[in-house]
C-alpha atoms as a PDB file:
ATOM      1  CA  MET A   1     -22.920 -24.115  17.846  1.00  0.00           C
ATOM      2  CA  VAL A   2     -21.727 -22.661  14.627  1.00  0.00           C
ATOM      3  CA  VAL A   3     -18.148 -23.688  13.489  1.00  0.00           C
ATOM      4  CA  THR A   4     -15.717 -21.036  12.407  1.00  0.00           C
ATOM      5  CA  HIS A   5     -13.511 -22.272   9.759  1.00  0.00           C
ATOM      6  CA  LEU A   6      -9.882 -20.686   9.747  1.00  0.00           C
ATOM      7  CA  LYS A   7      -8.798 -18.165   6.598  1.00  0.00           C
ATOM      8  CA  LYS A   8      -6.293 -15.422   5.415  1.00  0.00           C
ATOM      9  CA  ARG A   9      -7.695 -11.954   5.757  1.00  0.00           C
ATOM     10  CA  LEU A  10      -5.184  -9.478   2.896  1.00  0.00           C
ATOM     11  CA  GLU A  11      -5.430  -5.209   3.050  1.00  0.00           C
ATOM     12  CA  ILE A  12      -4.109  -3.770   0.508  1.00  0.00           C
ATOM     13  CA  ILE A  13      -3.629  -0.426  -0.137  1.00  0.00           C
ATOM     14  CA  VAL A  14      -2.771   0.486  -3.649  1.00  0.00           C
ATOM     15  CA  GLU A  15      -2.154   3.213  -5.703  1.00  0.00           C
ATOM     16  CA  ALA A  16      -5.317   4.415  -7.318  1.00  0.00           C
ATOM     17  CA  PRO A  17      -3.772   3.597 -11.107  1.00  0.00           C
ATOM     18  CA  ALA A  18      -2.531  -0.066 -10.601  1.00  0.00           C
ATOM     19  CA  LEU A  19      -5.899  -1.105  -9.271  1.00  0.00           C
ATOM     20  CA  HIS A  20      -6.666  -2.931 -12.596  1.00  0.00           C
ATOM     21  CA  ARG A  21      -3.443  -4.788 -12.546  1.00  0.00           C
ATOM     22  CA  LEU A  22      -3.892  -5.609  -9.353  1.00  0.00           C
ATOM     23  CA  THR A  23      -7.723  -7.390  -9.366  1.00  0.00           C
ATOM     24  CA  ASP A  24      -6.611  -9.025 -12.730  1.00  0.00           C
ATOM     25  CA  ARG A  25      -3.932 -10.785 -10.350  1.00  0.00           C
ATOM     26  CA  LEU A  26      -6.171 -11.651  -7.460  1.00  0.00           C
ATOM     27  CA  ASN A  27      -8.814 -12.764 -10.253  1.00  0.00           C
ATOM     28  CA  GLN A  28      -5.774 -15.210 -12.604  1.00  0.00           C
ATOM     29  CA  ALA A  29      -4.849 -16.678  -8.359  1.00  0.00           C
ATOM     30  CA  GLY A  30      -8.161 -17.684  -7.933  1.00  0.00           C
ATOM     31  CA  VAL A  31      -9.408 -15.118  -6.379  1.00  0.00           C
ATOM     32  CA  THR A  32     -13.203 -15.896  -5.238  1.00  0.00           C
ATOM     33  CA  GLY A  33     -14.229 -11.992  -3.597  1.00  0.00           C
ATOM     34  CA  TYR A  34     -12.820  -8.739  -2.681  1.00  0.00           C
ATOM     35  CA  THR A  35     -13.815  -5.364  -1.787  1.00  0.00           C
ATOM     36  CA  ILE A  36     -12.165  -2.011  -2.366  1.00  0.00           C
ATOM     37  CA  VAL A  37     -12.471   0.597  -0.348  1.00  0.00           C
ATOM     38  CA  PRO A  38     -11.260   4.560  -1.542  1.00  0.00           C
ATOM     39  CA  VAL A  39      -8.447   5.745   1.134  1.00  0.00           C
ATOM     40  CA  LEU A  40      -8.904   9.185   2.607  1.00  0.00           C
ATOM     41  CA  ALA A  41      -6.406  10.422   4.248  1.00  0.00           C
ATOM     42  CA  GLY A  42      -3.647   8.711   6.605  1.00  0.00           C
ATOM     43  CA  ARG A  43      -0.416   9.454   8.507  1.00  0.00           C
ATOM     44  CA  GLY A  44       2.972   7.794   7.323  1.00  0.00           C
ATOM     45  CA  SER A  45       6.647   7.680   7.708  1.00  0.00           C
ATOM     46  CA  ASP A  46       6.639  11.657   5.253  1.00  0.00           C
ATOM     47  CA  GLY A  47       3.955  12.890   7.696  1.00  0.00           C
ATOM     48  CA  THR A  48       0.186  12.761   7.484  1.00  0.00           C
ATOM     49  CA  TRP A  49      -1.650  13.457   3.893  1.00  0.00           C
ATOM     50  CA  SER A  50      -5.049  13.637   2.580  1.00  0.00           C
ATOM     51  CA  ALA A  51      -6.484  13.025  -0.843  1.00  0.00           C
ATOM     52  CA  GLU A  52      -8.707  15.877  -0.722  1.00  0.00           C
ATOM     53  CA  GLY A  53      -8.547  18.409  -3.562  1.00  0.00           C
ATOM     54  CA  LEU A  54      -6.720  15.217  -5.712  1.00  0.00           C
ATOM     55  CA  ALA A  55      -8.421  16.296  -9.298  1.00  0.00           C
ATOM     56  CA  GLY A  56      -7.005  12.991 -10.841  1.00  0.00           C
ATOM     57  CA  ASP A  57      -6.253   9.103 -10.047  1.00  0.00           C
ATOM     58  CA  ALA A  58      -2.765   9.812  -9.631  1.00  0.00           C
ATOM     59  CA  GLY A  59      -1.452  10.174  -6.491  1.00  0.00           C
ATOM     60  CA  ARG A  60      -5.376   8.816  -4.886  1.00  0.00           C
ATOM     61  CA  LEU A  61      -4.882   5.036  -2.410  1.00  0.00           C
ATOM     62  CA  VAL A  62      -7.542   2.187  -2.915  1.00  0.00           C
ATOM     63  CA  MET A  63      -7.637  -0.545   0.053  1.00  0.00           C
ATOM     64  CA  VAL A  64      -8.281  -3.799  -1.169  1.00  0.00           C
ATOM     65  CA  ILE A  65      -9.598  -6.698   0.982  1.00  0.00           C
ATOM     66  CA  SER A  66     -10.096 -10.923   0.133  1.00  0.00           C
ATOM     67  CA  ILE A  67     -11.063 -13.730   3.114  1.00  0.00           C
ATOM     68  CA  VAL A  68      -9.019 -16.696   1.147  1.00  0.00           C
ATOM     69  CA  ASP A  69      -7.828 -20.379   1.992  1.00  0.00           C
ATOM     70  CA  ALA A  70      -4.891 -20.394   4.156  1.00  0.00           C
ATOM     71  CA  ALA A  71      -3.274 -22.615   1.209  1.00  0.00           C
ATOM     72  CA  LYS A  72      -3.420 -19.866  -0.991  1.00  0.00           C
ATOM     73  CA  ALA A  73      -2.069 -17.182   0.824  1.00  0.00           C
ATOM     74  CA  ASP A  74       0.952 -17.363  -0.681  1.00  0.00           C
ATOM     75  CA  ALA A  75       0.349 -18.219  -4.177  1.00  0.00           C
ATOM     76  CA  VAL A  76      -1.687 -15.127  -4.272  1.00  0.00           C
ATOM     77  CA  LEU A  77       0.571 -13.136  -1.833  1.00  0.00           C
ATOM     78  CA  GLU A  78       3.550 -13.191  -5.318  1.00  0.00           C
ATOM     79  CA  ARG A  79       1.240 -12.360  -7.940  1.00  0.00           C
ATOM     80  CA  VAL A  80      -0.160  -8.968  -5.470  1.00  0.00           C
ATOM     81  CA  TYR A  81       3.875  -8.939  -5.596  1.00  0.00           C
ATOM     82  CA  SER A  82       4.068  -8.696  -9.147  1.00  0.00           C
ATOM     83  CA  VAL A  83       2.246  -5.646  -8.927  1.00  0.00           C
ATOM     84  CA  LEU A  84       3.595  -4.097  -6.103  1.00  0.00           C
ATOM     85  CA  ALA A  85       7.282  -4.476  -6.870  1.00  0.00           C
ATOM     86  CA  ARG A  86       7.313  -1.042  -9.426  1.00  0.00           C
ATOM     87  CA  GLN A  87       4.745   1.098  -6.657  1.00  0.00           C
ATOM     88  CA  ILE A  88       3.777   2.236  -3.989  1.00  0.00           C
ATOM     89  CA  GLY A  89       1.475   0.062  -1.112  1.00  0.00           C
ATOM     90  CA  ILE A  90       1.475  -2.133   1.445  1.00  0.00           C
ATOM     91  CA  VAL A  91       0.354  -5.552   2.053  1.00  0.00           C
ATOM     92  CA  THR A  92      -1.524  -6.842   5.174  1.00  0.00           C
ATOM     93  CA  VAL A  93      -1.822  -9.980   6.141  1.00  0.00           C
ATOM     94  CA  SER A  94      -4.178 -11.184   9.101  1.00  0.00           C
ATOM     95  CA  ASP A  95      -5.504 -14.380  10.110  1.00  0.00           C
ATOM     96  CA  VAL A  96      -9.957 -14.302  11.034  1.00  0.00           C
ATOM     97  CA  GLN A  97     -12.191 -17.267  11.733  1.00  0.00           C
ATOM     98  CA  VAL A  98     -15.703 -17.154   9.354  1.00  0.00           C
ATOM     99  CA  ILE A  99     -18.961 -19.559   9.763  1.00  0.00           C
ATOM    100  CA  ARG A 100     -18.396 -20.118   5.778  1.00  0.00           C
ATOM    101  CA  ALA A 101     -16.096 -21.473   4.816  1.00  0.00           C
ATOM    102  CA  ASP A 102     -16.795 -22.028   1.054  1.00  0.00           C
ATOM    103  CA  HIS A 103     -17.822 -18.793   0.162  1.00  0.00           C
ATOM    104  CA  PHE A 104     -13.533 -19.230   0.572  1.00  0.00           C
END
């Protein structure tokens, strides 16, 4: 039987120009890993939008996904908020089960 361990999954959507500030804060908080993916299109309170045709990073969004130990989540989120307080951004936190707890 495989044993699972409870962790927290953070999904952070942020404007591309703020990405390096965000990853710096994650690194400072001791986050051991994250994945960055482009956000291509979506729908929000202002309607639909798309990154298609954008020439630079302005207006472009990325999602940073990380899994952290539940005991570290609040400290990590404080550092994330220090970046997002002045930026467009969305943060979600959810419970996940992992099988290799030592990776997080």
